[in-house]
């Protein structure tokens, strides 16, 4: 990878099949992306689905250094999802794998294809807890430090399962 790259965070979640194994496989796939290096990964966490029925999710967050553009990284994430059987259907439906580009450096972006930081990153304990595990002092562009956001989401049940 040329240079250090841009620091990016990817949320990983699954709630169909062997969700923990799928999340582990997706984390390995992220480490294998071209022009990208895995820097850190959170523990695995279990959480109830938000605004949807279905089994509990297994979630994690990966920190990457990448030279891929945000849109190319998003395309690669969608390729990994499809390789794990992801079929896009109803919003918040159960899924074999969900990869969300949570943040890409200091970039704030709003297009039809991609919004950065992720529009709900600051509202979801299942994302904030793993982010805080990787970097408790993390500040997201336009949102600020994640600590106060995590406190606001403290009523959301998230259970740490084990290291990724």
Protein backbone atom coordinates (compact mmCIF):
# COMPACT_ATOMS: atom_id res chain seq x y z
CA UNK A 1 0.00 0.00 0.00
CA UNK A 2 1.41 3.36 -0.97
CA UNK A 3 1.85 5.74 1.97
CA UNK A 4 -0.03 5.37 5.21
CA UNK A 5 -3.49 5.65 3.71
CA UNK A 6 -6.64 7.06 5.26
CA UNK A 7 -8.00 5.82 8.58
CA UNK A 8 -11.40 4.22 7.97
CA UNK A 9 -13.83 2.37 10.23
CA UNK A 10 -16.14 -0.39 9.04
CA UNK A 11 -19.08 -1.78 10.99
CA UNK A 12 -19.62 -5.52 10.58
CA UNK A 13 -22.87 -7.24 11.51
CA UNK A 14 -24.79 -10.45 10.83
CA UNK A 15 -27.89 -12.13 12.22
CA UNK A 16 -28.59 -15.09 9.95
CA UNK A 17 -26.82 -18.44 9.96
CA UNK A 18 -23.67 -18.70 12.06
CA UNK A 19 -23.41 -14.94 12.58
CA UNK A 20 -20.22 -15.02 14.68
CA UNK A 21 -18.40 -17.12 12.07
CA UNK A 22 -19.65 -14.82 9.30
CA UNK A 23 -18.41 -11.72 11.14
CA UNK A 24 -15.00 -13.38 11.68
CA UNK A 25 -14.82 -14.28 7.97
CA UNK A 26 -15.76 -10.73 6.96
CA UNK A 27 -13.04 -9.30 9.24
CA UNK A 28 -10.48 -11.54 7.49
CA UNK A 29 -11.81 -10.37 4.10
CA UNK A 30 -11.37 -6.73 5.16
CA UNK A 31 -7.75 -7.47 6.09
CA UNK A 32 -7.22 -8.86 2.57
CA UNK A 33 -8.53 -5.82 0.67
CA UNK A 34 -6.05 -4.33 -1.81
CA UNK A 35 -4.28 -1.10 -0.83
CA UNK A 36 -5.62 -1.64 2.67
CA UNK A 37 -4.21 -2.78 5.98
CA UNK A 38 -6.19 -3.91 8.99
CA UNK A 39 -5.10 -1.89 12.03
CA UNK A 40 -7.50 -2.99 14.77
CA UNK A 41 -10.69 -4.90 15.33
CA UNK A 42 -13.06 -4.81 18.23
CA UNK A 43 -14.44 -7.70 20.21
CA UNK A 44 -17.66 -9.28 18.99
CA UNK A 45 -20.88 -7.93 20.49
CA UNK A 46 -24.46 -9.16 20.51
CA UNK A 47 -27.39 -6.76 20.15
CA UNK A 48 -31.09 -6.88 19.36
CA UNK A 49 -32.15 -5.75 15.90
CA UNK A 50 -33.13 -2.07 15.73
CA UNK A 51 -36.54 -1.23 14.26
CA UNK A 52 -36.91 -4.76 12.86
CA UNK A 53 -37.81 -8.30 13.83
CA UNK A 54 -35.37 -11.19 13.71
CA UNK A 55 -32.61 -12.84 15.68
CA UNK A 56 -29.93 -10.95 17.59
CA UNK A 57 -27.03 -9.48 15.63
CA UNK A 58 -23.37 -10.18 16.14
CA UNK A 59 -21.42 -6.96 15.53
CA UNK A 60 -17.83 -5.73 15.42
CA UNK A 61 -15.88 -2.77 14.07
CA UNK A 62 -12.66 -2.87 12.06
CA UNK A 63 -10.18 -0.02 11.73
CA UNK A 64 -8.39 0.09 8.39
CA UNK A 65 -5.70 2.17 6.74
CA UNK A 66 -6.59 2.37 3.07
CA UNK A 67 -5.55 4.06 -0.14
CA UNK A 68 -8.86 3.14 -1.76
CA UNK A 69 -11.25 6.01 -2.38
CA UNK A 70 -14.40 6.01 -0.24
CA UNK A 71 -16.55 4.85 -3.16
CA UNK A 72 -14.10 2.11 -4.15
CA UNK A 73 -13.96 0.94 -0.54
CA UNK A 74 -17.78 0.89 -0.45
CA UNK A 75 -17.83 -1.18 -3.67
CA UNK A 76 -15.36 -3.63 -2.13
CA UNK A 77 -17.49 -3.89 1.03
CA UNK A 78 -20.54 -4.71 -1.09
CA UNK A 79 -18.54 -7.39 -2.92
CA UNK A 80 -17.64 -8.98 0.43
CA UNK A 81 -21.32 -8.85 1.45
CA UNK A 82 -22.39 -10.61 -1.75
CA UNK A 83 -19.68 -13.26 -1.29
CA UNK A 84 -21.28 -13.99 2.09
CA UNK A 85 -24.76 -14.39 0.60
CA UNK A 86 -26.10 -10.90 1.24
CA UNK A 87 -29.26 -10.15 -0.68
CA UNK A 88 -30.53 -6.60 -0.41
CA UNK A 89 -34.19 -6.51 0.50
CA UNK A 90 -36.26 -4.54 2.94
CA UNK A 91 -34.46 -1.99 5.10
CA UNK A 92 -33.33 -3.44 8.47
CA UNK A 93 -34.28 -6.97 7.37
CA UNK A 94 -32.30 -9.90 8.78
CA UNK A 95 -29.10 -10.44 6.81
CA UNK A 96 -26.20 -12.79 6.38
CA UNK A 97 -23.76 -9.86 6.47
CA UNK A 98 -23.90 -6.09 6.71
CA UNK A 99 -20.80 -3.96 6.19
CA UNK A 100 -21.13 -0.22 6.79
CA UNK A 101 -18.47 2.35 6.05
CA UNK A 102 -18.77 4.31 9.29
CA UNK A 103 -16.07 6.93 8.78
CA UNK A 104 -13.33 7.71 6.29
CA UNK A 105 -10.68 10.02 7.73
CA UNK A 106 -12.06 13.50 8.34
CA UNK A 107 -14.31 13.33 5.29
CA UNK A 108 -17.89 14.56 5.47
CA UNK A 109 -19.79 13.42 2.40
CA UNK A 110 -23.44 13.28 1.38
CA UNK A 111 -24.31 11.65 -1.94
CA UNK A 112 -27.05 9.31 -3.13
CA UNK A 113 -24.53 6.46 -2.81
CA UNK A 114 -22.65 7.24 0.39
CA UNK A 115 -23.03 9.40 3.49
CA UNK A 116 -19.99 9.91 5.74
CA UNK A 117 -19.82 9.60 8.59
CA UNK A 118 -22.55 6.96 8.51
CA UNK A 119 -25.84 8.76 9.24
CA UNK A 120 -26.68 6.64 12.32
CA UNK A 121 -23.19 5.91 13.68
CA UNK A 122 -23.75 8.19 16.68
CA UNK A 123 -27.14 6.67 17.55
CA UNK A 124 -26.28 2.97 17.77
CA UNK A 125 -24.62 1.47 20.85
CA UNK A 126 -23.73 -1.65 18.84
CA UNK A 127 -21.43 0.57 16.75
CA UNK A 128 -20.30 3.03 19.44
CA UNK A 129 -19.20 0.37 21.96
CA UNK A 130 -16.86 -1.38 19.49
CA UNK A 131 -15.58 1.99 18.22
CA UNK A 132 -14.83 3.06 21.79
CA UNK A 133 -13.02 -0.22 22.41
CA UNK A 134 -10.70 0.50 19.47
CA UNK A 135 -10.28 4.23 20.17
CA UNK A 136 -12.06 5.69 23.23
CA UNK A 137 -10.95 9.20 22.23
CA UNK A 138 -12.25 8.94 18.66
CA UNK A 139 -13.88 12.06 17.26
CA UNK A 140 -16.06 11.79 14.17
CA UNK A 141 -16.29 14.58 11.60
CA UNK A 142 -19.30 16.78 12.23
CA UNK A 143 -20.28 14.75 15.31
CA UNK A 144 -17.40 15.19 17.74
CA UNK A 145 -16.23 12.79 20.42
CA UNK A 146 -17.98 9.42 20.57
CA UNK A 147 -17.99 9.28 24.41
CA UNK A 148 -21.01 11.55 24.92
CA UNK A 149 -22.88 9.75 22.14
CA UNK A 150 -22.17 6.40 23.81
CA UNK A 151 -23.54 7.76 27.10
CA UNK A 152 -26.74 8.84 25.32
CA UNK A 153 -27.12 5.31 23.88
CA UNK A 154 -26.49 3.60 27.23
CA UNK A 155 -30.08 2.32 27.37
CA UNK A 156 -29.43 0.10 24.32
CA UNK A 157 -28.50 -3.45 25.35
CA UNK A 158 -25.19 -4.57 23.87
CA UNK A 159 -23.36 -7.61 25.20
CA UNK A 160 -19.64 -8.18 24.65
CA UNK A 161 -19.12 -11.77 23.49
CA UNK A 162 -15.38 -12.24 22.96
CA UNK A 163 -12.34 -10.96 21.10
CA UNK A 164 -12.54 -11.01 17.32
